[in-house]
PDB file of N, CA and C in Angstrom:
ATOM      1  N   MET A   1     -24.796 -15.630 -12.177  1.00  0.00           N
ATOM      2  CA  MET A   1     -23.463 -15.239 -11.695  1.00  0.00           C
ATOM      3  C   MET A   1     -22.963 -14.669 -12.543  1.00  0.00           C
ATOM      4  N   LYS A   2     -23.039 -14.714 -13.830  1.00  0.00           N
ATOM      5  CA  LYS A   2     -22.409 -14.018 -14.847  1.00  0.00           C
ATOM      6  C   LYS A   2     -22.877 -12.306 -15.060  1.00  0.00           C
ATOM      7  N   LYS A   3     -24.049 -12.607 -14.999  1.00  0.00           N
ATOM      8  CA  LYS A   3     -24.605 -11.309 -14.611  1.00  0.00           C
ATOM      9  C   LYS A   3     -23.889 -10.199 -13.529  1.00  0.00           C
ATOM     10  N   LEU A   4     -24.056 -11.009 -12.316  1.00  0.00           N
ATOM     11  CA  LEU A   4     -23.317 -10.164 -11.182  1.00  0.00           C
ATOM     12  C   LEU A   4     -21.819 -10.029 -11.623  1.00  0.00           C
ATOM     13  N   LEU A   5     -21.155 -10.751 -11.910  1.00  0.00           N
ATOM     14  CA  LEU A   5     -19.728 -10.621 -12.293  1.00  0.00           C
ATOM     15  C   LEU A   5     -19.595  -9.403 -13.278  1.00  0.00           C
ATOM     16  N   LEU A   6     -20.412  -9.314 -14.271  1.00  0.00           N
ATOM     17  CA  LEU A   6     -20.485  -8.097 -15.220  1.00  0.00           C
ATOM     18  C   LEU A   6     -20.969  -6.961 -14.749  1.00  0.00           C
ATOM     19  N   ILE A   7     -21.838  -6.920 -13.798  1.00  0.00           N
ATOM     20  CA  ILE A   7     -22.314  -5.748 -13.145  1.00  0.00           C
ATOM     21  C   ILE A   7     -21.141  -5.286 -12.023  1.00  0.00           C
ATOM     22  N   LEU A   8     -20.313  -6.229 -11.649  1.00  0.00           N
ATOM     23  CA  LEU A   8     -19.320  -5.645 -10.692  1.00  0.00           C
ATOM     24  C   LEU A   8     -18.037  -5.314 -11.270  1.00  0.00           C
ATOM     25  N   ALA A   9     -17.872  -5.955 -12.643  1.00  0.00           N
ATOM     26  CA  ALA A   9     -16.721  -5.397 -13.517  1.00  0.00           C
ATOM     27  C   ALA A   9     -17.044  -3.846 -13.865  1.00  0.00           C
ATOM     28  N   VAL A  10     -18.055  -3.604 -14.366  1.00  0.00           N
ATOM     29  CA  VAL A  10     -18.744  -2.234 -14.856  1.00  0.00           C
ATOM     30  C   VAL A  10     -18.607  -1.431 -13.635  1.00  0.00           C
ATOM     31  N   ALA A  11     -19.050  -1.525 -12.321  1.00  0.00           N
ATOM     32  CA  ALA A  11     -18.956  -0.811 -11.208  1.00  0.00           C
ATOM     33  C   ALA A  11     -17.390  -0.704 -11.217  1.00  0.00           C
ATOM     34  N   VAL A  12     -16.746  -1.142 -10.957  1.00  0.00           N
ATOM     35  CA  VAL A  12     -15.099  -1.121 -10.802  1.00  0.00           C
ATOM     36  C   VAL A  12     -14.369  -0.396 -11.695  1.00  0.00           C
ATOM     37  N   PHE A  13     -15.029  -0.485 -13.021  1.00  0.00           N
ATOM     38  CA  PHE A  13     -14.583   0.344 -14.168  1.00  0.00           C
ATOM     39  C   PHE A  13     -15.016   1.830 -13.668  1.00  0.00           C
ATOM     40  N   VAL A  14     -16.150   2.055 -13.681  1.00  0.00           N
ATOM     41  CA  VAL A  14     -16.772   3.311 -13.590  1.00  0.00           C
ATOM     42  C   VAL A  14     -15.777   4.036 -12.234  1.00  0.00           C
ATOM     43  N   ILE A  15     -15.581   3.047 -11.042  1.00  0.00           N
ATOM     44  CA  ILE A  15     -15.114   3.848  -9.918  1.00  0.00           C
ATOM     45  C   ILE A  15     -13.596   4.210 -10.309  1.00  0.00           C
ATOM     46  N   SER A  16     -13.074   3.348 -10.952  1.00  0.00           N
ATOM     47  CA  SER A  16     -11.682   3.649 -11.309  1.00  0.00           C
ATOM     48  C   SER A  16     -11.311   4.623 -12.013  1.00  0.00           C
ATOM     49  N   THR A  17     -12.152   4.660 -13.295  1.00  0.00           N
ATOM     50  CA  THR A  17     -12.160   5.818 -14.003  1.00  0.00           C
ATOM     51  C   THR A  17     -12.460   7.280 -13.241  1.00  0.00           C
ATOM     52  N   ALA A  18     -13.536   7.226 -12.447  1.00  0.00           N
ATOM     53  CA  ALA A  18     -13.558   8.597 -11.625  1.00  0.00           C
ATOM     54  C   ALA A  18     -12.363   8.808 -10.682  1.00  0.00           C
ATOM     55  N   PHE A  19     -11.932   7.683  -9.875  1.00  0.00           N
ATOM     56  CA  PHE A  19     -10.777   8.043  -9.606  1.00  0.00           C
ATOM     57  C   PHE A  19      -9.410   8.560 -10.046  1.00  0.00           C
ATOM     58  N   VAL A  20      -9.232   7.954 -11.427  1.00  0.00           N
ATOM     59  CA  VAL A  20      -8.049   8.301 -12.311  1.00  0.00           C
ATOM     60  C   VAL A  20      -8.219   9.876 -12.497  1.00  0.00           C
ATOM     61  N   ALA A  21      -9.753  10.307 -12.543  1.00  0.00           N
ATOM     62  CA  ALA A  21     -10.171  11.452 -13.042  1.00  0.00           C
ATOM     63  C   ALA A  21      -9.869  12.668 -11.940  1.00  0.00           C
ATOM     64  N   VAL A  22      -9.907  12.361 -10.971  1.00  0.00           N
ATOM     65  CA  VAL A  22      -9.969  13.255  -9.525  1.00  0.00           C
ATOM     66  C   VAL A  22      -8.371  13.231  -9.389  1.00  0.00           C
ATOM     67  N   HIS A  23      -7.843  12.121  -9.574  1.00  0.00           N
ATOM     68  CA  HIS A  23      -6.421  12.179  -9.123  1.00  0.00           C
ATOM     69  C   HIS A  23      -5.559  12.970 -10.124  1.00  0.00           C
ATOM     70  N   GLN A  24      -5.864  13.189 -11.438  1.00  0.00           N
ATOM     71  CA  GLN A  24      -5.143  13.602 -12.230  1.00  0.00           C
ATOM     72  C   GLN A  24      -5.443  15.269 -12.120  1.00  0.00           C
ATOM     73  N   ASN A  25      -6.790  15.440 -11.831  1.00  0.00           N
ATOM     74  CA  ASN A  25      -7.067  17.026 -11.491  1.00  0.00           C
ATOM     75  C   ASN A  25      -6.508  17.455 -10.260  1.00  0.00           C
ATOM     76  N   ALA A  26      -6.020  16.500  -9.314  1.00  0.00           N
ATOM     77  CA  ALA A  26      -5.729  16.987  -7.893  1.00  0.00           C
ATOM     78  C   ALA A  26      -3.948  17.087  -8.435  1.00  0.00           C
ATOM     79  N   LYS A  27      -3.328  16.299  -9.363  1.00  0.00           N
ATOM     80  CA  LYS A  27      -1.940  16.463  -9.501  1.00  0.00           C
ATOM     81  C   LYS A  27      -1.902  17.917 -10.375  1.00  0.00           C
ATOM     82  N   SER A  28      -3.181  18.121 -11.229  1.00  0.00           N
ATOM     83  CA  SER A  28      -2.873  19.318 -12.182  1.00  0.00           C
ATOM     84  C   SER A  28      -2.774  20.503 -10.898  1.00  0.00           C
ATOM     85  N   GLU A  29      -3.632  20.223  -9.961  1.00  0.00           N
ATOM     86  CA  GLU A  29      -3.947  21.649  -8.811  1.00  0.00           C
ATOM     87  C   GLU A  29      -2.792  21.722  -7.926  1.00  0.00           C
ATOM     88  N   ALA A  30      -2.052  20.306  -7.773  1.00  0.00           N
ATOM     89  CA  ALA A  30      -0.720  20.394  -7.197  1.00  0.00           C
ATOM     90  C   ALA A  30       0.312  21.303  -7.574  1.00  0.00           C
ATOM     91  N   SER A  31       0.225  21.392  -9.085  1.00  0.00           N
ATOM     92  CA  SER A  31       1.228  22.155  -9.659  1.00  0.00           C
ATOM     93  C   SER A  31       0.960  23.627  -9.486  1.00  0.00           C
ATOM     94  N   LYS A  32      -0.256  24.022  -9.432  1.00  0.00           N
ATOM     95  CA  LYS A  32      -0.885  25.305  -9.144  1.00  0.00           C
ATOM     96  C   LYS A  32      -0.381  26.145  -7.569  1.00  0.00           C
ATOM     97  N   HIS A  33      -0.156  24.931  -6.653  1.00  0.00           N
ATOM     98  CA  HIS A  33       0.169  25.212  -5.268  1.00  0.00           C
ATOM     99  C   HIS A  33       1.077  24.400  -4.947  1.00  0.00           C
ATOM    100  N   PRO A  34       2.497  24.787  -5.341  1.00  0.00           N
ATOM    101  CA  PRO A  34       3.736  23.830  -4.728  1.00  0.00           C
ATOM    102  C   PRO A  34       3.687  23.660  -3.348  1.00  0.00           C
ATOM    103  N   ARG A  35       3.702  24.939  -2.936  1.00  0.00           N
ATOM    104  CA  ARG A  35       4.033  24.800  -1.193  1.00  0.00           C
ATOM    105  C   ARG A  35       3.265  23.679  -0.484  1.00  0.00           C
ATOM    106  N   ILE A  36       1.852  23.552  -1.239  1.00  0.00           N
ATOM    107  CA  ILE A  36       0.879  22.667  -0.310  1.00  0.00           C
ATOM    108  C   ILE A  36       1.468  21.039  -0.966  1.00  0.00           C
ATOM    109  N   GLU A  37       1.801  20.901  -2.194  1.00  0.00           N
ATOM    110  CA  GLU A  37       2.753  19.995  -2.759  1.00  0.00           C
ATOM    111  C   GLU A  37       3.735  19.478  -1.758  1.00  0.00           C
ATOM    112  N   LYS A  38       4.383  20.393  -1.615  1.00  0.00           N
ATOM    113  CA  LYS A  38       5.651  20.146  -0.818  1.00  0.00           C
ATOM    114  C   LYS A  38       5.479  19.892   0.629  1.00  0.00           C
ATOM    115  N   ALA A  39       4.357  20.474   1.331  1.00  0.00           N
ATOM    116  CA  ALA A  39       4.019  20.179   2.556  1.00  0.00           C
ATOM    117  C   ALA A  39       3.808  18.654   2.767  1.00  0.00           C
ATOM    118  N   ILE A  40       2.870  18.363   1.622  1.00  0.00           N
ATOM    119  CA  ILE A  40       2.364  16.828   1.297  1.00  0.00           C
ATOM    120  C   ILE A  40       3.610  15.612   1.773  1.00  0.00           C
ATOM    121  N   GLN A  41       4.459  16.071   0.869  1.00  0.00           N
ATOM    122  CA  GLN A  41       5.767  15.291   0.631  1.00  0.00           C
ATOM    123  C   GLN A  41       6.409  15.452   2.028  1.00  0.00           C
ATOM    124  N   GLU A  42       6.704  16.605   2.490  1.00  0.00           N
ATOM    125  CA  GLU A  42       7.637  16.533   4.012  1.00  0.00           C
ATOM    126  C   GLU A  42       6.801  15.858   4.859  1.00  0.00           C
ATOM    127  N   LEU A  43       5.351  16.046   4.782  1.00  0.00           N
ATOM    128  CA  LEU A  43       4.811  15.051   5.993  1.00  0.00           C
ATOM    129  C   LEU A  43       4.885  13.669   5.731  1.00  0.00           C
ATOM    130  N   GLN A  44       4.759  13.338   4.513  1.00  0.00           N
ATOM    131  CA  GLN A  44       4.927  11.573   4.178  1.00  0.00           C
ATOM    132  C   GLN A  44       6.132  11.246   4.653  1.00  0.00           C
ATOM    133  N   GLY A  45       7.343  12.295   4.416  1.00  0.00           N
ATOM    134  CA  GLY A  45       8.511  11.652   4.691  1.00  0.00           C
ATOM    135  C   GLY A  45       8.894  11.519   6.214  1.00  0.00           C
ATOM    136  N   ALA A  46       8.451  12.408   6.724  1.00  0.00           N
ATOM    137  CA  ALA A  46       8.051  12.595   8.532  1.00  0.00           C
ATOM    138  C   ALA A  46       7.514  11.584   9.258  1.00  0.00           C
ATOM    139  N   VAL A  47       6.457  11.093   8.537  1.00  0.00           N
ATOM    140  CA  VAL A  47       5.682   9.748   8.894  1.00  0.00           C
ATOM    141  C   VAL A  47       6.589   8.425   8.604  1.00  0.00           C
ATOM    142  N   GLU A  48       7.158   8.249   7.380  1.00  0.00           N
ATOM    143  CA  GLU A  48       8.121   7.237   7.341  1.00  0.00           C
ATOM    144  C   GLU A  48       9.235   7.193   8.368  1.00  0.00           C
ATOM    145  N   TYR A  49       9.807   8.650   8.663  1.00  0.00           N
ATOM    146  CA  TYR A  49      10.975   8.511   9.585  1.00  0.00           C
ATOM    147  C   TYR A  49      10.623   8.234  10.783  1.00  0.00           C
ATOM    148  N   MET A  50       9.434   8.780  11.451  1.00  0.00           N
ATOM    149  CA  MET A  50       8.721   8.192  12.713  1.00  0.00           C
ATOM    150  C   MET A  50       8.718   6.757  12.695  1.00  0.00           C
ATOM    151  N   GLU A  51       7.764   6.292  11.766  1.00  0.00           N
ATOM    152  CA  GLU A  51       7.661   4.869  11.791  1.00  0.00           C
ATOM    153  C   GLU A  51       8.571   3.688  11.737  1.00  0.00           C
ATOM    154  N   LYS A  52       9.780   4.283  11.404  1.00  0.00           N
ATOM    155  CA  LYS A  52      11.003   3.573  11.286  1.00  0.00           C
ATOM    156  C   LYS A  52      11.788   3.821  12.785  1.00  0.00           C
ATOM    157  N   ALA A  53      11.663   4.825  13.159  1.00  0.00           N
ATOM    158  CA  ALA A  53      12.318   5.220  14.605  1.00  0.00           C
ATOM    159  C   ALA A  53      12.136   4.382  15.393  1.00  0.00           C
ATOM    160  N   PRO A  54      13.273   3.998  16.306  1.00  0.00           N
ATOM    161  CA  PRO A  54      13.241   2.917  17.534  1.00  0.00           C
ATOM    162  C   PRO A  54      12.694   3.772  18.678  1.00  0.00           C
ATOM    163  N   ASP A  55      12.951   4.959  18.603  1.00  0.00           N
ATOM    164  CA  ASP A  55      12.376   5.898  19.655  1.00  0.00           C
ATOM    165  C   ASP A  55      11.093   6.443  19.644  1.00  0.00           C
ATOM    166  N   ASP A  56      10.303   6.430  20.642  1.00  0.00           N
ATOM    167  CA  ASP A  56       8.966   6.487  20.701  1.00  0.00           C
ATOM    168  C   ASP A  56       8.574   8.504  20.758  1.00  0.00           C
ATOM    169  N   PHE A  57       9.825   9.151  20.828  1.00  0.00           N
ATOM    170  CA  PHE A  57       9.537  10.571  20.940  1.00  0.00           C
ATOM    171  C   PHE A  57       8.910  10.989  22.471  1.00  0.00           C
ATOM    172  N   GLY A  58       9.194  10.622  23.297  1.00  0.00           N
ATOM    173  CA  GLY A  58       8.706  10.833  24.682  1.00  0.00           C
ATOM    174  C   GLY A  58       7.444  10.366  24.786  1.00  0.00           C
ATOM    175  N   GLY A  59       6.719   9.664  24.025  1.00  0.00           N
ATOM    176  CA  GLY A  59       5.386   9.092  24.170  1.00  0.00           C
ATOM    177  C   GLY A  59       4.490   9.402  23.184  1.00  0.00           C
ATOM    178  N   HIS A  60       5.000  10.548  22.322  1.00  0.00           N
ATOM    179  CA  HIS A  60       4.305  11.358  21.413  1.00  0.00           C
ATOM    180  C   HIS A  60       4.337  10.771  19.677  1.00  0.00           C
ATOM    181  N   LYS A  61       4.976   9.426  19.920  1.00  0.00           N
ATOM    182  CA  LYS A  61       5.172   9.085  18.424  1.00  0.00           C
ATOM    183  C   LYS A  61       4.037   8.780  17.631  1.00  0.00           C
ATOM    184  N   ALA A  62       3.103   7.838  18.352  1.00  0.00           N
ATOM    185  CA  ALA A  62       1.860   7.574  17.705  1.00  0.00           C
ATOM    186  C   ALA A  62       0.772   8.792  17.342  1.00  0.00           C
ATOM    187  N   ALA A  63       0.675   9.561  18.389  1.00  0.00           N
ATOM    188  CA  ALA A  63      -0.188  10.848  18.165  1.00  0.00           C
ATOM    189  C   ALA A  63       0.373  11.432  16.794  1.00  0.00           C
ATOM    190  N   ALA A  64       1.794  11.720  16.937  1.00  0.00           N
ATOM    191  CA  ALA A  64       2.230  12.351  15.697  1.00  0.00           C
ATOM    192  C   ALA A  64       2.364  12.037  14.373  1.00  0.00           C
ATOM    193  N   ILE A  65       2.537  10.652  14.444  1.00  0.00           N
ATOM    194  CA  ILE A  65       2.053   9.927  13.048  1.00  0.00           C
ATOM    195  C   ILE A  65       0.463  10.008  12.827  1.00  0.00           C
ATOM    196  N   ALA A  66      -0.448   9.762  13.623  1.00  0.00           N
ATOM    197  CA  ALA A  66      -1.913   9.831  13.316  1.00  0.00           C
ATOM    198  C   ALA A  66      -2.235  11.239  12.760  1.00  0.00           C
ATOM    199  N   ASP A  67      -1.692  12.391  13.455  1.00  0.00           N
ATOM    200  CA  ASP A  67      -1.834  13.532  13.398  1.00  0.00           C
ATOM    201  C   ASP A  67      -1.295  13.985  11.882  1.00  0.00           C
ATOM    202  N   SER A  68      -0.213  13.792  11.463  1.00  0.00           N
ATOM    203  CA  SER A  68       0.480  13.833  10.367  1.00  0.00           C
ATOM    204  C   SER A  68      -0.449  13.446   9.398  1.00  0.00           C
ATOM    205  N   LYS A  69      -0.682  12.298   9.291  1.00  0.00           N
ATOM    206  CA  LYS A  69      -1.432  11.255   8.354  1.00  0.00           C
ATOM    207  C   LYS A  69      -2.925  12.159   8.156  1.00  0.00           C
ATOM    208  N   LYS A  70      -3.466  12.514   9.243  1.00  0.00           N
ATOM    209  CA  LYS A  70      -4.682  13.650   8.958  1.00  0.00           C
ATOM    210  C   LYS A  70      -4.454  14.748   8.509  1.00  0.00           C
ATOM    211  N   ALA A  71      -3.305  15.360   8.502  1.00  0.00           N
ATOM    212  CA  ALA A  71      -2.655  16.952   7.727  1.00  0.00           C
ATOM    213  C   ALA A  71      -2.493  16.215   6.309  1.00  0.00           C
ATOM    214  N   ILE A  72      -2.120  15.123   6.004  1.00  0.00           N
ATOM    215  CA  ILE A  72      -1.741  14.941   4.539  1.00  0.00           C
ATOM    216  C   ILE A  72      -3.106  14.751   3.911  1.00  0.00           C
ATOM    217  N   GLU A  73      -4.040  13.930   4.671  1.00  0.00           N
ATOM    218  CA  GLU A  73      -5.449  13.691   3.576  1.00  0.00           C
ATOM    219  C   GLU A  73      -6.115  15.030   3.695  1.00  0.00           C
ATOM    220  N   SER A  74      -6.028  16.039   4.854  1.00  0.00           N
ATOM    221  CA  SER A  74      -6.885  17.285   4.595  1.00  0.00           C
ATOM    222  C   SER A  74      -6.231  17.806   3.675  1.00  0.00           C
ATOM    223  N   LEU A  75      -4.987  18.151   3.428  1.00  0.00           N
ATOM    224  CA  LEU A  75      -4.149  18.841   2.277  1.00  0.00           C
ATOM    225  C   LEU A  75      -4.448  18.266   0.903  1.00  0.00           C
ATOM    226  N   LYS A  76      -4.543  17.031   0.791  1.00  0.00           N
ATOM    227  CA  LYS A  76      -5.063  16.354  -0.441  1.00  0.00           C
ATOM    228  C   LYS A  76      -6.491  16.696  -0.805  1.00  0.00           C
ATOM    229  N   LEU A  77      -7.374  16.674   0.266  1.00  0.00           N
ATOM    230  CA  LEU A  77      -8.815  17.084   0.089  1.00  0.00           C
ATOM    231  C   LEU A  77      -8.925  18.435  -0.501  1.00  0.00           C
ATOM    232  N   ALA A  78      -7.932  19.479   0.120  1.00  0.00           N
ATOM    233  CA  ALA A  78      -7.963  20.842  -0.264  1.00  0.00           C
ATOM    234  C   ALA A  78      -7.791  20.913  -1.692  1.00  0.00           C
ATOM    235  N   LEU A  79      -6.764  20.291  -2.110  1.00  0.00           N
ATOM    236  CA  LEU A  79      -6.191  20.088  -3.500  1.00  0.00           C
ATOM    237  C   LEU A  79      -7.667  19.575  -4.577  1.00  0.00           C
ATOM    238  N   GLN A  80      -8.184  18.728  -3.979  1.00  0.00           N
ATOM    239  CA  GLN A  80      -9.211  17.813  -4.747  1.00  0.00           C
ATOM    240  C   GLN A  80     -10.443  18.897  -4.867  1.00  0.00           C
ATOM    241  N   TYR A  81     -10.442  19.774  -3.807  1.00  0.00           N
ATOM    242  CA  TYR A  81     -11.425  20.912  -3.768  1.00  0.00           C
ATOM    243  C   TYR A  81     -11.191  22.050  -4.942  1.00  0.00           C
ATOM    244  N   ARG A  82     -10.115  22.355  -4.882  1.00  0.00           N
ATOM    245  CA  ARG A  82      -9.723  23.430  -5.912  1.00  0.00           C
ATOM    246  C   ARG A  82      -9.613  22.975  -7.133  1.00  0.00           C
ATOM    247  N   ALA A  83      -9.416  21.551  -7.464  1.00  0.00           N
ATOM    248  CA  ALA A  83      -9.416  20.956  -8.655  1.00  0.00           C
ATOM    249  C   ALA A  83     -11.011  20.832  -9.387  1.00  0.00           C
ATOM    250  N   LYS A  84     -11.870  20.724  -7.986  1.00  0.00           N
ATOM    251  CA  LYS A  84     -13.323  20.215  -8.709  1.00  0.00           C
ATOM    252  C   LYS A  84     -13.946  21.775  -8.493  1.00  0.00           C
ATOM    253  N   GLU A  85     -13.503  22.879  -8.047  1.00  0.00           N
ATOM    254  CA  GLU A  85     -13.936  24.158  -8.290  1.00  0.00           C
ATOM    255  C   GLU A  85     -13.356  25.006  -9.646  1.00  0.00           C
ATOM    256  N   ASP A  86     -12.124  24.472  -9.881  1.00  0.00           N
ATOM    257  CA  ASP A  86     -11.872  24.968 -11.326  1.00  0.00           C
ATOM    258  C   ASP A  86     -12.312  24.491 -12.397  1.00  0.00           C
ATOM    259  N   LYS A  87     -12.508  22.999 -12.363  1.00  0.00           N
ATOM    260  CA  LYS A  87     -13.323  22.133 -13.147  1.00  0.00           C
ATOM    261  C   LYS A  87     -14.706  22.872 -13.562  1.00  0.00           C
ATOM    262  N   MET A  88     -15.535  23.510 -12.560  1.00  0.00           N
ATOM    263  CA  MET A  88     -16.691  23.946 -12.697  1.00  0.00           C
ATOM    264  C   MET A  88     -16.718  25.199 -13.375  1.00  0.00           C
ATOM    265  N   LYS A  89     -15.733  26.180 -13.190  1.00  0.00           N
ATOM    266  CA  LYS A  89     -15.681  27.246 -13.622  1.00  0.00           C
ATOM    267  C   LYS A  89     -15.424  27.167 -15.369  1.00  0.00           C
ATOM    268  N   LYS A  90     -14.654  25.983 -15.788  1.00  0.00           N
ATOM    269  CA  LYS A  90     -14.489  25.992 -17.104  1.00  0.00           C
ATOM    270  C   LYS A  90     -16.005  25.985 -17.999  1.00  0.00           C
TER     271      LYS A  90
END
């Protein structure tokens, strides 16, 4: 049991370290592409607004939220890709 917990702890540490590194690289990349970063922030704000809004926007609310979340994820992946590519060139 102790061995399993140790293995899990090491796995969590490795995964979290990798996540932090990728996140930091993506943040650095975001500063190189401020329009993409601004788009992410604006889309996040729009999602929050729509989620709280009592109106269903003519039946388009759920799709608009889902599509906006997909766009946010795609933009973040684009920044992560650029960060990875830039790191490989060093």
